Amino acid sequence: MKHSIAQLVALLAVAGTASAQVPVIFQGADLRLGEKLISENRCVACHQQKVGGDGSSIFRPAGKINTAGYLRGMVEQCNTELNLGFFPEEVTAVAAVLNRDHYKFK
């Protein structure tokens, strides 16, 4: 399939825009892995125990998590406290999913 130079430039511009919408710290993160780890480690159930309800009130506590880096740090804190054994790229994957679904840092 042949593309004109204008089409290729347009495709690259769209791709650049999409990646620009994701914080640098999360670019290239494996979102499927993050989703899998969240499910397997019952993160939602733990959050429900901590804050009640559906657990979603744990996201965006007043003034606490206000950057992508801090979000990743909070996931690392869970990893450490619960002895989950996540590798750094797994922590990043989980944080990237949380950012996509709840925080939306750019």
N, C-alpha and C. Protein backbone atom coordinates (compact mmCIF):
# COMPACT_ATOMS: atom_id res chain seq x y z
N MET A 1 0.85 -1.17 0.00
CA MET A 1 0.00 0.00 0.00
C MET A 1 0.90 1.23 0.00
N LYS A 2 0.70 2.10 -0.97
CA LYS A 2 1.52 3.31 -1.08
C LYS A 2 0.80 4.48 -0.43
N HIS A 3 1.58 5.32 0.24
CA HIS A 3 1.05 6.54 0.85
C HIS A 3 1.82 7.72 0.28
N SER A 4 1.12 8.81 0.11
CA SER A 4 1.81 10.03 -0.33
C SER A 4 2.57 10.60 0.86
N ILE A 5 3.49 11.49 0.59
CA ILE A 5 4.25 12.13 1.66
C ILE A 5 3.31 12.91 2.57
N ALA A 6 2.31 13.56 2.00
CA ALA A 6 1.35 14.31 2.81
C ALA A 6 0.60 13.39 3.76
N GLN A 7 0.22 12.20 3.28
CA GLN A 7 -0.47 11.24 4.14
C GLN A 7 0.43 10.77 5.27
N LEU A 8 1.69 10.48 4.95
CA LEU A 8 2.63 10.04 5.98
C LEU A 8 2.86 11.13 7.03
N VAL A 9 2.99 12.36 6.58
CA VAL A 9 3.18 13.48 7.52
C VAL A 9 1.95 13.61 8.42
N ALA A 10 0.76 13.47 7.84
CA ALA A 10 -0.47 13.56 8.63
C ALA A 10 -0.54 12.42 9.65
N LEU A 11 -0.17 11.21 9.24
CA LEU A 11 -0.17 10.07 10.17
C LEU A 11 0.82 10.29 11.31
N LEU A 12 1.99 10.79 10.99
CA LEU A 12 2.99 11.06 12.03
C LEU A 12 2.52 12.16 12.98
N ALA A 13 1.84 13.15 12.44
CA ALA A 13 1.34 14.23 13.29
C ALA A 13 0.31 13.71 14.27
N VAL A 14 -0.58 12.85 13.80
CA VAL A 14 -1.59 12.26 14.68
C VAL A 14 -0.92 11.39 15.73
N ALA A 15 0.03 10.57 15.33
CA ALA A 15 0.75 9.72 16.29
C ALA A 15 1.47 10.56 17.31
N GLY A 16 2.09 11.64 16.90
CA GLY A 16 2.79 12.52 17.83
C GLY A 16 1.85 13.18 18.81
N THR A 17 0.67 13.54 18.34
CA THR A 17 -0.33 14.15 19.21
C THR A 17 -0.81 13.16 20.25
N ALA A 18 -1.04 11.93 19.85
CA ALA A 18 -1.52 10.91 20.79
C ALA A 18 -0.50 10.67 21.88
N SER A 19 0.78 10.54 21.53
CA SER A 19 1.79 10.27 22.55
C SER A 19 2.04 11.50 23.41
N ALA A 20 1.79 12.69 22.86
CA ALA A 20 1.97 13.91 23.64
C ALA A 20 0.91 14.03 24.73
N GLN A 21 -0.19 13.31 24.58
CA GLN A 21 -1.26 13.37 25.56
C GLN A 21 -0.98 12.48 26.77
N VAL A 22 0.07 11.70 26.70
CA VAL A 22 0.45 10.79 27.78
C VAL A 22 1.71 11.35 28.42
N PRO A 23 1.75 11.43 29.76
CA PRO A 23 2.98 11.91 30.39
C PRO A 23 4.18 11.07 29.96
N VAL A 24 5.30 11.71 29.84
CA VAL A 24 6.52 11.03 29.41
C VAL A 24 6.78 9.79 30.25
N ILE A 25 6.54 9.87 31.53
CA ILE A 25 6.80 8.75 32.44
C ILE A 25 5.99 7.50 32.06
N PHE A 26 4.85 7.68 31.38
CA PHE A 26 3.98 6.56 31.02
C PHE A 26 4.08 6.17 29.54
N GLN A 27 4.82 6.91 28.75
CA GLN A 27 4.92 6.58 27.33
C GLN A 27 5.59 5.22 27.16
N GLY A 28 4.98 4.39 26.36
CA GLY A 28 5.49 3.05 26.12
C GLY A 28 5.08 2.03 27.18
N ALA A 29 4.32 2.46 28.18
CA ALA A 29 3.89 1.52 29.22
C ALA A 29 2.96 0.47 28.63
N ASP A 30 3.05 -0.73 29.14
CA ASP A 30 2.23 -1.85 28.68
C ASP A 30 0.90 -1.81 29.43
N LEU A 31 -0.11 -1.21 28.80
CA LEU A 31 -1.40 -1.03 29.45
C LEU A 31 -2.11 -2.37 29.71
N ARG A 32 -1.95 -3.31 28.81
CA ARG A 32 -2.57 -4.63 29.04
C ARG A 32 -1.97 -5.29 30.27
N LEU A 33 -0.66 -5.18 30.42
CA LEU A 33 0.00 -5.72 31.61
C LEU A 33 -0.53 -5.02 32.86
N GLY A 34 -0.66 -3.71 32.81
CA GLY A 34 -1.18 -2.97 33.96
C GLY A 34 -2.57 -3.41 34.34
N GLU A 35 -3.43 -3.57 33.34
CA GLU A 35 -4.80 -4.05 33.60
C GLU A 35 -4.78 -5.43 34.24
N LYS A 36 -3.92 -6.30 33.72
CA LYS A 36 -3.81 -7.67 34.24
C LYS A 36 -3.34 -7.65 35.70
N LEU A 37 -2.33 -6.85 36.00
CA LEU A 37 -1.80 -6.78 37.36
C LEU A 37 -2.83 -6.22 38.34
N ILE A 38 -3.58 -5.22 37.90
CA ILE A 38 -4.63 -4.65 38.75
C ILE A 38 -5.67 -5.71 39.08
N SER A 39 -6.05 -6.49 38.09
CA SER A 39 -7.03 -7.55 38.29
C SER A 39 -6.49 -8.67 39.17
N GLU A 40 -5.32 -9.19 38.82
CA GLU A 40 -4.74 -10.32 39.54
C GLU A 40 -4.43 -10.00 41.01
N ASN A 41 -4.08 -8.76 41.28
CA ASN A 41 -3.70 -8.39 42.64
C ASN A 41 -4.84 -7.77 43.44
N ARG A 42 -6.02 -7.82 42.85
CA ARG A 42 -7.24 -7.38 43.54
C ARG A 42 -7.12 -5.97 44.12
N CYS A 43 -6.58 -5.09 43.32
CA CYS A 43 -6.39 -3.70 43.77
C CYS A 43 -7.71 -3.04 44.14
N VAL A 44 -8.73 -3.27 43.34
CA VAL A 44 -10.03 -2.65 43.61
C VAL A 44 -10.58 -3.12 44.95
N ALA A 45 -10.48 -4.41 45.24
CA ALA A 45 -10.98 -4.94 46.52
C ALA A 45 -10.23 -4.31 47.69
N CYS A 46 -8.94 -4.14 47.55
CA CYS A 46 -8.15 -3.51 48.61
C CYS A 46 -8.60 -2.06 48.82
N HIS A 47 -8.81 -1.34 47.72
CA HIS A 47 -9.25 0.04 47.83
C HIS A 47 -10.65 0.12 48.45
N GLN A 48 -11.50 -0.84 48.13
CA GLN A 48 -12.83 -0.87 48.73
C GLN A 48 -12.74 -1.06 50.24
N GLN A 49 -11.84 -1.91 50.68
CA GLN A 49 -11.64 -2.14 52.12
C GLN A 49 -11.15 -0.87 52.79
N LYS A 50 -10.25 -0.16 52.12
CA LYS A 50 -9.65 1.04 52.73
C LYS A 50 -10.62 2.21 52.83
N VAL A 51 -11.43 2.43 51.76
CA VAL A 51 -12.25 3.64 51.73
C VAL A 51 -13.74 3.38 51.64
N GLY A 52 -14.14 2.10 51.46
CA GLY A 52 -15.55 1.77 51.37
C GLY A 52 -16.13 2.01 49.99
N GLY A 53 -17.40 1.72 49.87
CA GLY A 53 -18.09 1.91 48.59
C GLY A 53 -17.45 1.10 47.48
N ASP A 54 -17.36 1.73 46.31
CA ASP A 54 -16.76 1.04 45.17
C ASP A 54 -15.24 1.23 45.12
N GLY A 55 -14.70 1.94 46.10
CA GLY A 55 -13.26 2.13 46.19
C GLY A 55 -12.73 3.30 45.39
N SER A 56 -13.57 3.91 44.58
CA SER A 56 -13.09 4.97 43.68
C SER A 56 -12.73 6.26 44.41
N SER A 57 -13.22 6.43 45.63
CA SER A 57 -12.88 7.67 46.35
C SER A 57 -11.41 7.72 46.75
N ILE A 58 -10.70 6.62 46.58
CA ILE A 58 -9.26 6.62 46.86
C ILE A 58 -8.51 7.42 45.80
N PHE A 59 -9.13 7.57 44.61
CA PHE A 59 -8.50 8.33 43.54
C PHE A 59 -8.71 9.82 43.76
N ARG A 60 -7.67 10.54 43.56
CA ARG A 60 -7.68 12.00 43.68
C ARG A 60 -8.03 12.48 45.09
N PRO A 61 -7.37 11.95 46.11
CA PRO A 61 -7.61 12.52 47.44
C PRO A 61 -7.18 13.98 47.43
N ALA A 62 -7.90 14.80 48.14
CA ALA A 62 -7.70 16.25 48.11
C ALA A 62 -6.23 16.64 48.20
N GLY A 63 -5.71 17.15 47.09
CA GLY A 63 -4.36 17.70 47.06
C GLY A 63 -3.21 16.71 47.13
N LYS A 64 -3.49 15.42 47.19
CA LYS A 64 -2.42 14.44 47.39
C LYS A 64 -1.69 14.07 46.11
N ILE A 65 -2.40 13.56 45.16
CA ILE A 65 -1.77 13.07 43.93
C ILE A 65 -2.03 14.09 42.83
N ASN A 66 -1.02 14.89 42.53
CA ASN A 66 -1.23 15.97 41.57
C ASN A 66 -0.23 15.96 40.41
N THR A 67 0.56 14.90 40.30
CA THR A 67 1.46 14.76 39.14
C THR A 67 1.54 13.29 38.76
N ALA A 68 1.94 13.05 37.52
CA ALA A 68 2.11 11.67 37.05
C ALA A 68 3.19 10.96 37.86
N GLY A 69 4.25 11.65 38.19
CA GLY A 69 5.33 11.06 38.97
C GLY A 69 4.87 10.65 40.36
N TYR A 70 4.06 11.48 40.96
CA TYR A 70 3.55 11.16 42.30
C TYR A 70 2.59 9.97 42.23
N LEU A 71 1.80 9.89 41.15
CA LEU A 71 0.92 8.73 40.96
C LEU A 71 1.74 7.45 40.89
N ARG A 72 2.80 7.48 40.10
CA ARG A 72 3.66 6.30 40.00
C ARG A 72 4.26 5.96 41.36
N GLY A 73 4.63 6.98 42.12
CA GLY A 73 5.17 6.78 43.45
C GLY A 73 4.17 6.12 44.39
N MET A 74 2.91 6.48 44.27
CA MET A 74 1.88 5.86 45.11
C MET A 74 1.70 4.39 44.76
N VAL A 75 1.79 4.06 43.47
CA VAL A 75 1.72 2.65 43.08
C VAL A 75 2.93 1.90 43.63
N GLU A 76 4.08 2.53 43.58
CA GLU A 76 5.29 1.91 44.15
C GLU A 76 5.12 1.70 45.65
N GLN A 77 4.46 2.64 46.32
CA GLN A 77 4.21 2.49 47.76
C GLN A 77 3.34 1.27 48.03
N CYS A 78 2.28 1.08 47.23
CA CYS A 78 1.46 -0.13 47.38
C CYS A 78 2.31 -1.37 47.13
N ASN A 79 3.13 -1.32 46.09
CA ASN A 79 4.00 -2.44 45.76
C ASN A 79 4.88 -2.82 46.95
N THR A 80 5.44 -1.83 47.60
CA THR A 80 6.34 -2.06 48.73
C THR A 80 5.57 -2.53 49.97
N GLU A 81 4.50 -1.80 50.32
CA GLU A 81 3.74 -2.12 51.53
C GLU A 81 3.11 -3.51 51.46
N LEU A 82 2.65 -3.89 50.29
CA LEU A 82 1.96 -5.17 50.15
C LEU A 82 2.88 -6.28 49.65
N ASN A 83 4.15 -5.95 49.48
CA ASN A 83 5.15 -6.92 49.02
C ASN A 83 4.69 -7.64 47.75
N LEU A 84 4.26 -6.84 46.76
CA LEU A 84 3.72 -7.40 45.52
C LEU A 84 4.82 -7.94 44.60
N GLY A 85 6.01 -7.41 44.72
CA GLY A 85 7.11 -7.88 43.89
C GLY A 85 7.09 -7.38 42.46
N PHE A 86 6.42 -6.24 42.22
CA PHE A 86 6.40 -5.68 40.87
C PHE A 86 7.78 -5.16 40.49
N PHE A 87 8.14 -5.39 39.25
CA PHE A 87 9.33 -4.78 38.68
C PHE A 87 8.99 -3.33 38.32
N PRO A 88 9.99 -2.48 38.15
CA PRO A 88 9.70 -1.07 37.83
C PRO A 88 8.77 -0.87 36.63
N GLU A 89 8.94 -1.66 35.58
CA GLU A 89 8.07 -1.50 34.41
C GLU A 89 6.64 -1.93 34.72
N GLU A 90 6.45 -2.81 35.69
CA GLU A 90 5.11 -3.22 36.09
C GLU A 90 4.44 -2.12 36.91
N VAL A 91 5.20 -1.48 37.78
CA VAL A 91 4.67 -0.34 38.53
C VAL A 91 4.22 0.74 37.56
N THR A 92 5.06 1.01 36.56
CA THR A 92 4.73 2.02 35.56
C THR A 92 3.48 1.62 34.78
N ALA A 93 3.34 0.35 34.44
CA ALA A 93 2.17 -0.12 33.70
C ALA A 93 0.89 0.09 34.50
N VAL A 94 0.93 -0.25 35.78
CA VAL A 94 -0.25 -0.07 36.63
C VAL A 94 -0.58 1.42 36.75
N ALA A 95 0.43 2.24 36.99
CA ALA A 95 0.20 3.68 37.12
C ALA A 95 -0.33 4.27 35.82
N ALA A 96 0.14 3.79 34.69
CA ALA A 96 -0.33 4.29 33.40
C ALA A 96 -1.81 3.97 33.20
N VAL A 97 -2.25 2.80 33.63
CA VAL A 97 -3.67 2.44 33.54
C VAL A 97 -4.49 3.35 34.45
N LEU A 98 -4.01 3.56 35.67
CA LEU A 98 -4.73 4.45 36.59
C LEU A 98 -4.80 5.86 36.04
N ASN A 99 -3.72 6.30 35.40
CA ASN A 99 -3.73 7.63 34.79
C ASN A 99 -4.75 7.69 33.66
N ARG A 100 -4.76 6.68 32.82
CA ARG A 100 -5.69 6.64 31.69
C ARG A 100 -7.15 6.64 32.18
N ASP A 101 -7.43 5.87 33.21
CA ASP A 101 -8.81 5.67 33.65
C ASP A 101 -9.31 6.68 34.68
N HIS A 102 -8.40 7.26 35.46
CA HIS A 102 -8.85 8.11 36.58
C HIS A 102 -8.22 9.49 36.63
N TYR A 103 -6.92 9.60 36.42
CA TYR A 103 -6.21 10.84 36.69
C TYR A 103 -6.09 11.75 35.47
N LYS A 104 -5.78 11.18 34.33
CA LYS A 104 -5.71 11.91 33.06
C LYS A 104 -4.65 13.02 33.06
N PHE A 105 -3.50 12.78 33.69
CA PHE A 105 -2.40 13.73 33.60
C PHE A 105 -1.88 13.74 32.17
N LYS A 106 -1.46 14.89 31.69
CA LYS A 106 -0.93 15.01 30.33
C LYS A 106 0.52 15.37 30.36
